Amino acid sequence: MRFTKQWETTWKGHQITVRNWWDILLRTGEELLIDGVPMQQEDTWAKLSRDLHGQIVVDGKVHEVRVHVGSVDWGLKTGCHIFVDEELIGGDVDKKFVA
């Protein structure tokens, strides 16, 4: 059985999607998609936090996308912060990370 959580935001017309999954064997995975195209995917055994990276090009300029997925709410839940050029633009913007 697999459990999934997803976050989405739009930046300058580009859709940024982050998926997190976990199962009863403590395997976990995260995936970053930009406009539906996979940028980075990581699957592993239980890990407290992970960063994923991608890029968006607007008017010839490359913008760095960074996603931080980690433990929030005293480690009981998974949260996500989505950054473009290190500016927080989406995810659980009001949450503080444990890891």
PDB file of N, CA and C in Angstrom:
ATOM      1  N   MET A   1       0.839  -1.174   0.000  1.00  0.00           N
ATOM      2  CA  MET A   1       0.000   0.000   0.000  1.00  0.00           C
ATOM      3  C   MET A   1       0.889   1.243   0.000  1.00  0.00           C
ATOM      4  N   ARG A   2       0.570   2.189  -0.853  1.00  0.00           N
ATOM      5  CA  ARG A   2       1.352   3.420  -0.988  1.00  0.00           C
ATOM      6  C   ARG A   2       0.477   4.624  -0.659  1.00  0.00           C
ATOM      7  N   PHE A   3       1.035   5.561   0.121  1.00  0.00           N
ATOM      8  CA  PHE A   3       0.353   6.796   0.493  1.00  0.00           C
ATOM      9  C   PHE A   3       1.033   7.951  -0.229  1.00  0.00           C
ATOM     10  N   THR A   4       0.250   8.902  -0.727  1.00  0.00           N
ATOM     11  CA  THR A   4       0.802   9.990  -1.531  1.00  0.00           C
ATOM     12  C   THR A   4       0.303  11.348  -1.040  1.00  0.00           C
ATOM     13  N   LYS A   5       1.206  12.339  -1.100  1.00  0.00           N
ATOM     14  CA  LYS A   5       0.855  13.733  -0.833  1.00  0.00           C
ATOM     15  C   LYS A   5       1.424  14.559  -1.985  1.00  0.00           C
ATOM     16  N   GLN A   6       0.695  15.604  -2.396  1.00  0.00           N
ATOM     17  CA  GLN A   6       1.124  16.406  -3.544  1.00  0.00           C
ATOM     18  C   GLN A   6       0.930  17.892  -3.260  1.00  0.00           C
ATOM     19  N   TRP A   7       1.875  18.689  -3.749  1.00  0.00           N
ATOM     20  CA  TRP A   7       1.787  20.146  -3.653  1.00  0.00           C
ATOM     21  C   TRP A   7       1.914  20.710  -5.060  1.00  0.00           C
ATOM     22  N   GLU A   8       1.198  21.800  -5.338  1.00  0.00           N
ATOM     23  CA  GLU A   8       1.261  22.447  -6.648  1.00  0.00           C
ATOM     24  C   GLU A   8       1.269  23.956  -6.475  1.00  0.00           C
ATOM     25  N   THR A   9       1.995  24.612  -7.364  1.00  0.00           N
ATOM     26  CA  THR A   9       1.965  26.067  -7.425  1.00  0.00           C
ATOM     27  C   THR A   9       2.292  26.474  -8.857  1.00  0.00           C
ATOM     28  N   THR A  10       1.962  27.700  -9.193  1.00  0.00           N
ATOM     29  CA  THR A  10       2.263  28.233 -10.525  1.00  0.00           C
ATOM     30  C   THR A  10       3.166  29.441 -10.350  1.00  0.00           C
ATOM     31  N   TRP A  11       4.184  29.526 -11.189  1.00  0.00           N
ATOM     32  CA  TRP A  11       5.114  30.655 -11.171  1.00  0.00           C
ATOM     33  C   TRP A  11       5.339  31.108 -12.608  1.00  0.00           C
ATOM     34  N   LYS A  12       4.975  32.354 -12.895  1.00  0.00           N
ATOM     35  CA  LYS A  12       5.122  32.951 -14.237  1.00  0.00           C
ATOM     36  C   LYS A  12       4.585  32.019 -15.333  1.00  0.00           C
ATOM     37  N   GLY A  13       3.416  31.433 -15.054  1.00  0.00           N
ATOM     38  CA  GLY A  13       2.756  30.580 -16.035  1.00  0.00           C
ATOM     39  C   GLY A  13       3.247  29.146 -16.081  1.00  0.00           C
ATOM     40  N   HIS A  14       4.192  28.775 -15.242  1.00  0.00           N
ATOM     41  CA  HIS A  14       4.732  27.412 -15.212  1.00  0.00           C
ATOM     42  C   HIS A  14       4.203  26.668 -13.996  1.00  0.00           C
ATOM     43  N   GLN A  15       3.705  25.462 -14.228  1.00  0.00           N
ATOM     44  CA  GLN A  15       3.152  24.632 -13.165  1.00  0.00           C
ATOM     45  C   GLN A  15       4.274  23.824 -12.502  1.00  0.00           C
ATOM     46  N   ILE A  16       4.411  23.969 -11.191  1.00  0.00           N
ATOM     47  CA  ILE A  16       5.401  23.224 -10.422  1.00  0.00           C
ATOM     48  C   ILE A  16       4.631  22.257  -9.526  1.00  0.00           C
ATOM     49  N   THR A  17       4.949  20.965  -9.655  1.00  0.00           N
ATOM     50  CA  THR A  17       4.276  19.924  -8.884  1.00  0.00           C
ATOM     51  C   THR A  17       5.320  19.111  -8.124  1.00  0.00           C
ATOM     52  N   VAL A  18       5.035  18.847  -6.864  1.00  0.00           N
ATOM     53  CA  VAL A  18       5.902  18.013  -6.033  1.00  0.00           C
ATOM     54  C   VAL A  18       5.054  16.878  -5.500  1.00  0.00           C
ATOM     55  N   ARG A  19       5.542  15.646  -5.666  1.00  0.00           N
ATOM     56  CA  ARG A  19       4.848  14.476  -5.130  1.00  0.00           C
ATOM     57  C   ARG A  19       5.748  13.784  -4.115  1.00  0.00           C
ATOM     58  N   ASN A  20       5.138  13.366  -3.021  1.00  0.00           N
ATOM     59  CA  ASN A  20       5.830  12.613  -1.982  1.00  0.00           C
ATOM     60  C   ASN A  20       5.018  11.346  -1.730  1.00  0.00           C
ATOM     61  N   TRP A  21       5.697  10.213  -1.615  1.00  0.00           N
ATOM     62  CA  TRP A  21       4.989   8.974  -1.309  1.00  0.00           C
ATOM     63  C   TRP A  21       5.764   8.198  -0.255  1.00  0.00           C
ATOM     64  N   TRP A  22       5.054   7.329   0.447  1.00  0.00           N
ATOM     65  CA  TRP A  22       5.668   6.437   1.427  1.00  0.00           C
ATOM     66  C   TRP A  22       4.801   5.191   1.540  1.00  0.00           C
ATOM     67  N   ASP A  23       5.413   4.110   2.052  1.00  0.00           N
ATOM     68  CA  ASP A  23       4.649   2.876   2.220  1.00  0.00           C
ATOM     69  C   ASP A  23       4.923   2.265   3.597  1.00  0.00           C
ATOM     70  N   ILE A  24       4.274   1.156   3.876  1.00  0.00           N
ATOM     71  CA  ILE A  24       4.381   0.553   5.211  1.00  0.00           C
ATOM     72  C   ILE A  24       5.753  -0.064   5.480  1.00  0.00           C
ATOM     73  N   LEU A  25       6.584  -0.214   4.448  1.00  0.00           N
ATOM     74  CA  LEU A  25       7.946  -0.731   4.614  1.00  0.00           C
ATOM     75  C   LEU A  25       8.962   0.389   4.827  1.00  0.00           C
ATOM     76  N   LEU A  26       8.457   1.618   5.014  1.00  0.00           N
ATOM     77  CA  LEU A  26       9.278   2.820   5.235  1.00  0.00           C
ATOM     78  C   LEU A  26      10.091   3.234   4.017  1.00  0.00           C
ATOM     79  N   ARG A  27       9.683   2.794   2.830  1.00  0.00           N
ATOM     80  CA  ARG A  27      10.288   3.319   1.610  1.00  0.00           C
ATOM     81  C   ARG A  27       9.618   4.649   1.314  1.00  0.00           C
ATOM     82  N   THR A  28      10.380   5.600   0.803  1.00  0.00           N
ATOM     83  CA  THR A  28       9.833   6.920   0.492  1.00  0.00           C
ATOM     84  C   THR A  28      10.322   7.370  -0.876  1.00  0.00           C
ATOM     85  N   GLY A  29       9.629   8.349  -1.423  1.00  0.00           N
ATOM     86  CA  GLY A  29      10.057   8.906  -2.691  1.00  0.00           C
ATOM     87  C   GLY A  29       9.500  10.293  -2.890  1.00  0.00           C
ATOM     88  N   GLU A  30      10.218  11.098  -3.640  1.00  0.00           N
ATOM     89  CA  GLU A  30       9.791  12.442  -4.001  1.00  0.00           C
ATOM     90  C   GLU A  30      10.041  12.642  -5.489  1.00  0.00           C
ATOM     91  N   GLU A  31       9.207  13.474  -6.091  1.00  0.00           N
ATOM     92  CA  GLU A  31       9.345  13.772  -7.515  1.00  0.00           C
ATOM     93  C   GLU A  31       9.006  15.231  -7.744  1.00  0.00           C
ATOM     94  N   LEU A  32       9.826  15.911  -8.537  1.00  0.00           N
ATOM     95  CA  LEU A  32       9.594  17.297  -8.957  1.00  0.00           C
ATOM     96  C   LEU A  32       9.264  17.295 -10.435  1.00  0.00           C
ATOM     97  N   LEU A  33       8.119  17.897 -10.766  1.00  0.00           N
ATOM     98  CA  LEU A  33       7.713  18.053 -12.163  1.00  0.00           C
ATOM     99  C   LEU A  33       7.495  19.531 -12.456  1.00  0.00           C
ATOM    100  N   ILE A  34       7.947  19.982 -13.601  1.00  0.00           N
ATOM    101  CA  ILE A  34       7.701  21.343 -14.063  1.00  0.00           C
ATOM    102  C   ILE A  34       6.981  21.242 -15.402  1.00  0.00           C
ATOM    103  N   ASP A  35       5.783  21.812 -15.449  1.00  0.00           N
ATOM    104  CA  ASP A  35       4.915  21.719 -16.628  1.00  0.00           C
ATOM    105  C   ASP A  35       4.702  20.266 -17.044  1.00  0.00           C
ATOM    106  N   GLY A  36       4.592  19.371 -16.042  1.00  0.00           N
ATOM    107  CA  GLY A  36       4.336  17.957 -16.293  1.00  0.00           C
ATOM    108  C   GLY A  36       5.545  17.132 -16.661  1.00  0.00           C
ATOM    109  N   VAL A  37       6.714  17.767 -16.779  1.00  0.00           N
ATOM    110  CA  VAL A  37       7.945  17.071 -17.160  1.00  0.00           C
ATOM    111  C   VAL A  37       8.760  16.756 -15.900  1.00  0.00           C
ATOM    112  N   PRO A  38       9.095  15.477 -15.663  1.00  0.00           N
ATOM    113  CA  PRO A  38       9.895  15.136 -14.484  1.00  0.00           C
ATOM    114  C   PRO A  38      11.278  15.787 -14.542  1.00  0.00           C
ATOM    115  N   MET A  39      11.643  16.475 -13.459  1.00  0.00           N
ATOM    116  CA  MET A  39      12.954  17.110 -13.350  1.00  0.00           C
ATOM    117  C   MET A  39      13.906  16.255 -12.511  1.00  0.00           C
ATOM    118  N   GLN A  40      13.397  15.755 -11.380  1.00  0.00           N
ATOM    119  CA  GLN A  40      14.211  14.926 -10.505  1.00  0.00           C
ATOM    120  C   GLN A  40      13.291  14.032  -9.697  1.00  0.00           C
ATOM    121  N   GLN A  41      13.729  12.785  -9.511  1.00  0.00           N
ATOM    122  CA  GLN A  41      12.971  11.843  -8.709  1.00  0.00           C
ATOM    123  C   GLN A  41      13.948  11.081  -7.826  1.00  0.00           C
ATOM    124  N   GLU A  42      13.574  10.888  -6.568  1.00  0.00           N
ATOM    125  CA  GLU A  42      14.405  10.165  -5.609  1.00  0.00           C
ATOM    126  C   GLU A  42      13.545   9.140  -4.888  1.00  0.00           C
ATOM    127  N   ASP A  43      13.997   7.896  -4.846  1.00  0.00           N
ATOM    128  CA  ASP A  43      13.344   6.833  -4.080  1.00  0.00           C
ATOM    129  C   ASP A  43      14.383   6.235  -3.140  1.00  0.00           C
ATOM    130  N   THR A  44      14.001   6.017  -1.882  1.00  0.00           N
ATOM    131  CA  THR A  44      14.953   5.488  -0.910  1.00  0.00           C
ATOM    132  C   THR A  44      14.203   4.924   0.285  1.00  0.00           C
ATOM    133  N   TRP A  45      14.946   4.478   1.280  1.00  0.00           N
ATOM    134  CA  TRP A  45      14.361   4.102   2.558  1.00  0.00           C
ATOM    135  C   TRP A  45      14.149   5.383   3.351  1.00  0.00           C
ATOM    136  N   ALA A  46      13.413   5.303   4.425  1.00  0.00           N
ATOM    137  CA  ALA A  46      13.008   6.475   5.218  1.00  0.00           C
ATOM    138  C   ALA A  46      14.151   7.487   5.370  1.00  0.00           C
ATOM    139  N   LYS A  47      13.853   8.725   5.059  1.00  0.00           N
ATOM    140  CA  LYS A  47      14.804   9.825   5.153  1.00  0.00           C
ATOM    141  C   LYS A  47      14.044  11.033   5.661  1.00  0.00           C
ATOM    142  N   LEU A  48      14.636  11.794   6.568  1.00  0.00           N
ATOM    143  CA  LEU A  48      13.920  12.906   7.183  1.00  0.00           C
ATOM    144  C   LEU A  48      13.703  14.089   6.253  1.00  0.00           C
ATOM    145  N   SER A  49      14.655  14.330   5.336  1.00  0.00           N
ATOM    146  CA  SER A  49      14.477  15.462   4.431  1.00  0.00           C
ATOM    147  C   SER A  49      15.259  15.242   3.147  1.00  0.00           C
ATOM    148  N   ARG A  50      14.852  15.997   2.135  1.00  0.00           N
ATOM    149  CA  ARG A  50      15.506  15.879   0.835  1.00  0.00           C
ATOM    150  C   ARG A  50      15.243  17.153   0.043  1.00  0.00           C
ATOM    151  N   ASP A  51      16.217  17.552  -0.778  1.00  0.00           N
ATOM    152  CA  ASP A  51      16.051  18.667  -1.705  1.00  0.00           C
ATOM    153  C   ASP A  51      16.034  18.130  -3.126  1.00  0.00           C
ATOM    154  N   LEU A  52      15.153  18.669  -3.948  1.00  0.00           N
ATOM    155  CA  LEU A  52      15.077  18.349  -5.364  1.00  0.00           C
ATOM    156  C   LEU A  52      15.305  19.639  -6.149  1.00  0.00           C
ATOM    157  N   HIS A  53      15.848  19.513  -7.370  1.00  0.00           N
ATOM    158  CA  HIS A  53      16.215  20.693  -8.143  1.00  0.00           C
ATOM    159  C   HIS A  53      15.725  20.599  -9.591  1.00  0.00           C
ATOM    160  N   GLY A  54      15.419  21.757 -10.160  1.00  0.00           N
ATOM    161  CA  GLY A  54      15.031  21.864 -11.559  1.00  0.00           C
ATOM    162  C   GLY A  54      15.258  23.289 -12.034  1.00  0.00           C
ATOM    163  N   GLN A  55      14.871  23.554 -13.269  1.00  0.00           N
ATOM    164  CA  GLN A  55      15.057  24.889 -13.836  1.00  0.00           C
ATOM    165  C   GLN A  55      13.837  25.287 -14.667  1.00  0.00           C
ATOM    166  N   ILE A  56      13.574  26.588 -14.679  1.00  0.00           N
ATOM    167  CA  ILE A  56      12.549  27.176 -15.538  1.00  0.00           C
ATOM    168  C   ILE A  56      13.230  28.289 -16.330  1.00  0.00           C
ATOM    169  N   VAL A  57      13.003  28.316 -17.637  1.00  0.00           N
ATOM    170  CA  VAL A  57      13.555  29.378 -18.483  1.00  0.00           C
ATOM    171  C   VAL A  57      12.433  30.333 -18.850  1.00  0.00           C
ATOM    172  N   VAL A  58      12.626  31.620 -18.535  1.00  0.00           N
ATOM    173  CA  VAL A  58      11.664  32.665 -18.871  1.00  0.00           C
ATOM    174  C   VAL A  58      12.420  33.781 -19.584  1.00  0.00           C
ATOM    175  N   ASP A  59      12.013  34.096 -20.810  1.00  0.00           N
ATOM    176  CA  ASP A  59      12.657  35.145 -21.615  1.00  0.00           C
ATOM    177  C   ASP A  59      14.169  34.965 -21.692  1.00  0.00           C
ATOM    178  N   GLY A  60      14.608  33.726 -21.868  1.00  0.00           N
ATOM    179  CA  GLY A  60      16.028  33.430 -22.019  1.00  0.00           C
ATOM    180  C   GLY A  60      16.813  33.375 -20.720  1.00  0.00           C
ATOM    181  N   LYS A  61      16.180  33.665 -19.595  1.00  0.00           N
ATOM    182  CA  LYS A  61      16.863  33.632 -18.306  1.00  0.00           C
ATOM    183  C   LYS A  61      16.502  32.344 -17.568  1.00  0.00           C
ATOM    184  N   VAL A  62      17.519  31.673 -17.021  1.00  0.00           N
ATOM    185  CA  VAL A  62      17.323  30.425 -16.289  1.00  0.00           C
ATOM    186  C   VAL A  62      17.049  30.739 -14.823  1.00  0.00           C
ATOM    187  N   HIS A  63      15.960  30.187 -14.301  1.00  0.00           N
ATOM    188  CA  HIS A  63      15.582  30.361 -12.901  1.00  0.00           C
ATOM    189  C   HIS A  63      15.689  29.001 -12.210  1.00  0.00           C
ATOM    190  N   GLU A  64      16.361  28.981 -11.069  1.00  0.00           N
ATOM    191  CA  GLU A  64      16.587  27.752 -10.328  1.00  0.00           C
ATOM    192  C   GLU A  64      15.387  27.437  -9.433  1.00  0.00           C
ATOM    193  N   VAL A  65      14.875  26.223  -9.565  1.00  0.00           N
ATOM    194  CA  VAL A  65      13.792  25.737  -8.719  1.00  0.00           C
ATOM    195  C   VAL A  65      14.397  24.768  -7.714  1.00  0.00           C
ATOM    196  N   ARG A  66      14.087  24.988  -6.432  1.00  0.00           N
ATOM    197  CA  ARG A  66      14.533  24.071  -5.377  1.00  0.00           C
ATOM    198  C   ARG A  66      13.335  23.727  -4.514  1.00  0.00           C
ATOM    199  N   VAL A  67      13.201  22.466  -4.224  1.00  0.00           N
ATOM    200  CA  VAL A  67      12.111  21.981  -3.387  1.00  0.00           C
ATOM    201  C   VAL A  67      12.720  21.299  -2.171  1.00  0.00           C
ATOM    202  N   HIS A  68      12.224  21.653  -0.996  1.00  0.00           N
ATOM    203  CA  HIS A  68      12.652  20.977   0.233  1.00  0.00           C
ATOM    204  C   HIS A  68      11.463  20.208   0.783  1.00  0.00           C
ATOM    205  N   VAL A  69      11.618  18.899   0.903  1.00  0.00           N
ATOM    206  CA  VAL A  69      10.588  18.038   1.490  1.00  0.00           C
ATOM    207  C   VAL A  69      11.159  17.482   2.777  1.00  0.00           C
ATOM    208  N   GLY A  70      10.417  17.631   3.874  1.00  0.00           N
ATOM    209  CA  GLY A  70      10.922  17.154   5.152  1.00  0.00           C
ATOM    210  C   GLY A  70       9.832  17.043   6.199  1.00  0.00           C
ATOM    211  N   SER A  71      10.259  16.731   7.410  1.00  0.00           N
ATOM    212  CA  SER A  71       9.332  16.527   8.525  1.00  0.00           C
ATOM    213  C   SER A  71       8.890  17.856   9.123  1.00  0.00           C
ATOM    214  N   VAL A  72       7.583  17.978   9.381  1.00  0.00           N
ATOM    215  CA  VAL A  72       7.003  19.145  10.043  1.00  0.00           C
ATOM    216  C   VAL A  72       6.119  18.656  11.191  1.00  0.00           C
ATOM    217  N   ASP A  73       5.633  19.585  11.981  1.00  0.00           N
ATOM    218  CA  ASP A  73       4.720  19.250  13.083  1.00  0.00           C
ATOM    219  C   ASP A  73       5.307  18.172  13.980  1.00  0.00           C
ATOM    220  N   TRP A  74       6.500  18.460  14.517  1.00  0.00           N
ATOM    221  CA  TRP A  74       7.181  17.557  15.445  1.00  0.00           C
ATOM    222  C   TRP A  74       7.533  16.217  14.817  1.00  0.00           C
ATOM    223  N   GLY A  75       7.706  16.205  13.494  1.00  0.00           N
ATOM    224  CA  GLY A  75       8.095  14.982  12.803  1.00  0.00           C
ATOM    225  C   GLY A  75       6.953  14.040  12.487  1.00  0.00           C
ATOM    226  N   LEU A  76       5.718  14.467  12.734  1.00  0.00           N
ATOM    227  CA  LEU A  76       4.566  13.601  12.515  1.00  0.00           C
ATOM    228  C   LEU A  76       3.977  13.708  11.114  1.00  0.00           C
ATOM    229  N   LYS A  77       4.348  14.752  10.376  1.00  0.00           N
ATOM    230  CA  LYS A  77       3.814  14.967   9.032  1.00  0.00           C
ATOM    231  C   LYS A  77       4.941  15.346   8.090  1.00  0.00           C
ATOM    232  N   THR A  78       4.639  15.288   6.789  1.00  0.00           N
ATOM    233  CA  THR A  78       5.595  15.692   5.761  1.00  0.00           C
ATOM    234  C   THR A  78       5.163  17.031   5.200  1.00  0.00           C
ATOM    235  N   GLY A  79       6.136  17.945   5.052  1.00  0.00           N
ATOM    236  CA  GLY A  79       5.867  19.261   4.494  1.00  0.00           C
ATOM    237  C   GLY A  79       6.755  19.543   3.305  1.00  0.00           C
ATOM    238  N   CYS A  80       6.451  20.620   2.601  1.00  0.00           N
ATOM    239  CA  CYS A  80       7.184  20.970   1.390  1.00  0.00           C
ATOM    240  C   CYS A  80       7.307  22.483   1.278  1.00  0.00           C
ATOM    241  N   HIS A  81       8.479  22.943   0.915  1.00  0.00           N
ATOM    242  CA  HIS A  81       8.694  24.337   0.544  1.00  0.00           C
ATOM    243  C   HIS A  81       9.178  24.349  -0.904  1.00  0.00           C
ATOM    244  N   ILE A  82       8.596  25.221  -1.713  1.00  0.00           N
ATOM    245  CA  ILE A  82       8.982  25.362  -3.117  1.00  0.00           C
ATOM    246  C   ILE A  82       9.595  26.746  -3.297  1.00  0.00           C
ATOM    247  N   PHE A  83      10.817  26.778  -3.812  1.00  0.00           N
ATOM    248  CA  PHE A  83      11.552  28.026  -4.020  1.00  0.00           C
ATOM    249  C   PHE A  83      11.859  28.211  -5.504  1.00  0.00           C
ATOM    250  N   VAL A  84      11.824  29.452  -5.981  1.00  0.00           N
ATOM    251  CA  VAL A  84      12.387  29.809  -7.280  1.00  0.00           C
ATOM    252  C   VAL A  84      13.384  30.919  -7.013  1.00  0.00           C
ATOM    253  N   ASP A  85      14.614  30.701  -7.433  1.00  0.00           N
ATOM    254  CA  ASP A  85      15.715  31.639  -7.162  1.00  0.00           C
ATOM    255  C   ASP A  85      15.767  31.988  -5.673  1.00  0.00           C
ATOM    256  N   GLU A  86      15.588  30.963  -4.836  1.00  0.00           N
ATOM    257  CA  GLU A  86      15.646  31.034  -3.368  1.00  0.00           C
ATOM    258  C   GLU A  86      14.540  31.873  -2.727  1.00  0.00           C
ATOM    259  N   GLU A  87      13.508  32.222  -3.491  1.00  0.00           N
ATOM    260  CA  GLU A  87      12.334  32.899  -2.928  1.00  0.00           C
ATOM    261  C   GLU A  87      11.247  31.852  -2.706  1.00  0.00           C
ATOM    262  N   LEU A  88      10.731  31.758  -1.493  1.00  0.00           N
ATOM    263  CA  LEU A  88       9.681  30.803  -1.159  1.00  0.00           C
ATOM    264  C   LEU A  88       8.390  31.201  -1.864  1.00  0.00           C
ATOM    265  N   ILE A  89       7.888  30.316  -2.751  1.00  0.00           N
ATOM    266  CA  ILE A  89       6.700  30.655  -3.534  1.00  0.00           C
ATOM    267  C   ILE A  89       5.534  29.693  -3.327  1.00  0.00           C
ATOM    268  N   GLY A  90       5.758  28.559  -2.673  1.00  0.00           N
ATOM    269  CA  GLY A  90       4.657  27.605  -2.543  1.00  0.00           C
ATOM    270  C   GLY A  90       4.974  26.472  -1.601  1.00  0.00           C
ATOM    271  N   GLY A  91       4.014  25.571  -1.506  1.00  0.00           N
ATOM    272  CA  GLY A  91       4.105  24.465  -0.569  1.00  0.00           C
ATOM    273  C   GLY A  91       3.486  24.862   0.746  1.00  0.00           C
ATOM    274  N   ASP A  92       4.022  24.335   1.822  1.00  0.00           N
ATOM    275  CA  ASP A  92       3.524  24.636   3.169  1.00  0.00           C
ATOM    276  C   ASP A  92       4.275  25.847   3.727  1.00  0.00           C
ATOM    277  N   VAL A  93       3.967  27.025   3.188  1.00  0.00           N
ATOM    278  CA  VAL A  93       4.740  28.229   3.496  1.00  0.00           C
ATOM    279  C   VAL A  93       4.673  28.617   4.971  1.00  0.00           C
ATOM    280  N   ASP A  94       3.657  28.164   5.684  1.00  0.00           N
ATOM    281  CA  ASP A  94       3.515  28.526   7.092  1.00  0.00           C
ATOM    282  C   ASP A  94       4.104  27.487   8.045  1.00  0.00           C
ATOM    283  N   LYS A  95       4.716  26.439   7.514  1.00  0.00           N
ATOM    284  CA  LYS A  95       5.257  25.362   8.354  1.00  0.00           C
ATOM    285  C   LYS A  95       6.753  25.524   8.570  1.00  0.00           C
ATOM    286  N   LYS A  96       7.195  25.109   9.754  1.00  0.00           N
ATOM    287  CA  LYS A  96       8.628  25.044  10.091  1.00  0.00           C
ATOM    288  C   LYS A  96       9.057  23.581  10.047  1.00  0.00           C
ATOM    289  N   PHE A  97      10.226  23.339   9.515  1.00  0.00           N
ATOM    290  CA  PHE A  97      10.718  21.971   9.360  1.00  0.00           C
ATOM    291  C   PHE A  97      11.472  21.492  10.592  1.00  0.00           C
ATOM    292  N   VAL A  98      11.263  20.216  10.935  1.00  0.00           N
ATOM    293  CA  VAL A  98      12.036  19.553  11.992  1.00  0.00           C
ATOM    294  C   VAL A  98      13.392  19.187  11.409  1.00  0.00           C
ATOM    295  N   ALA A  99      13.383  18.750  10.146  1.00  0.00           N
ATOM    296  CA  ALA A  99      14.628  18.354   9.470  1.00  0.00           C
ATOM    297  C   ALA A  99      14.628  18.897   8.064  1.00  0.00           C
TER     298      ALA A  99
END
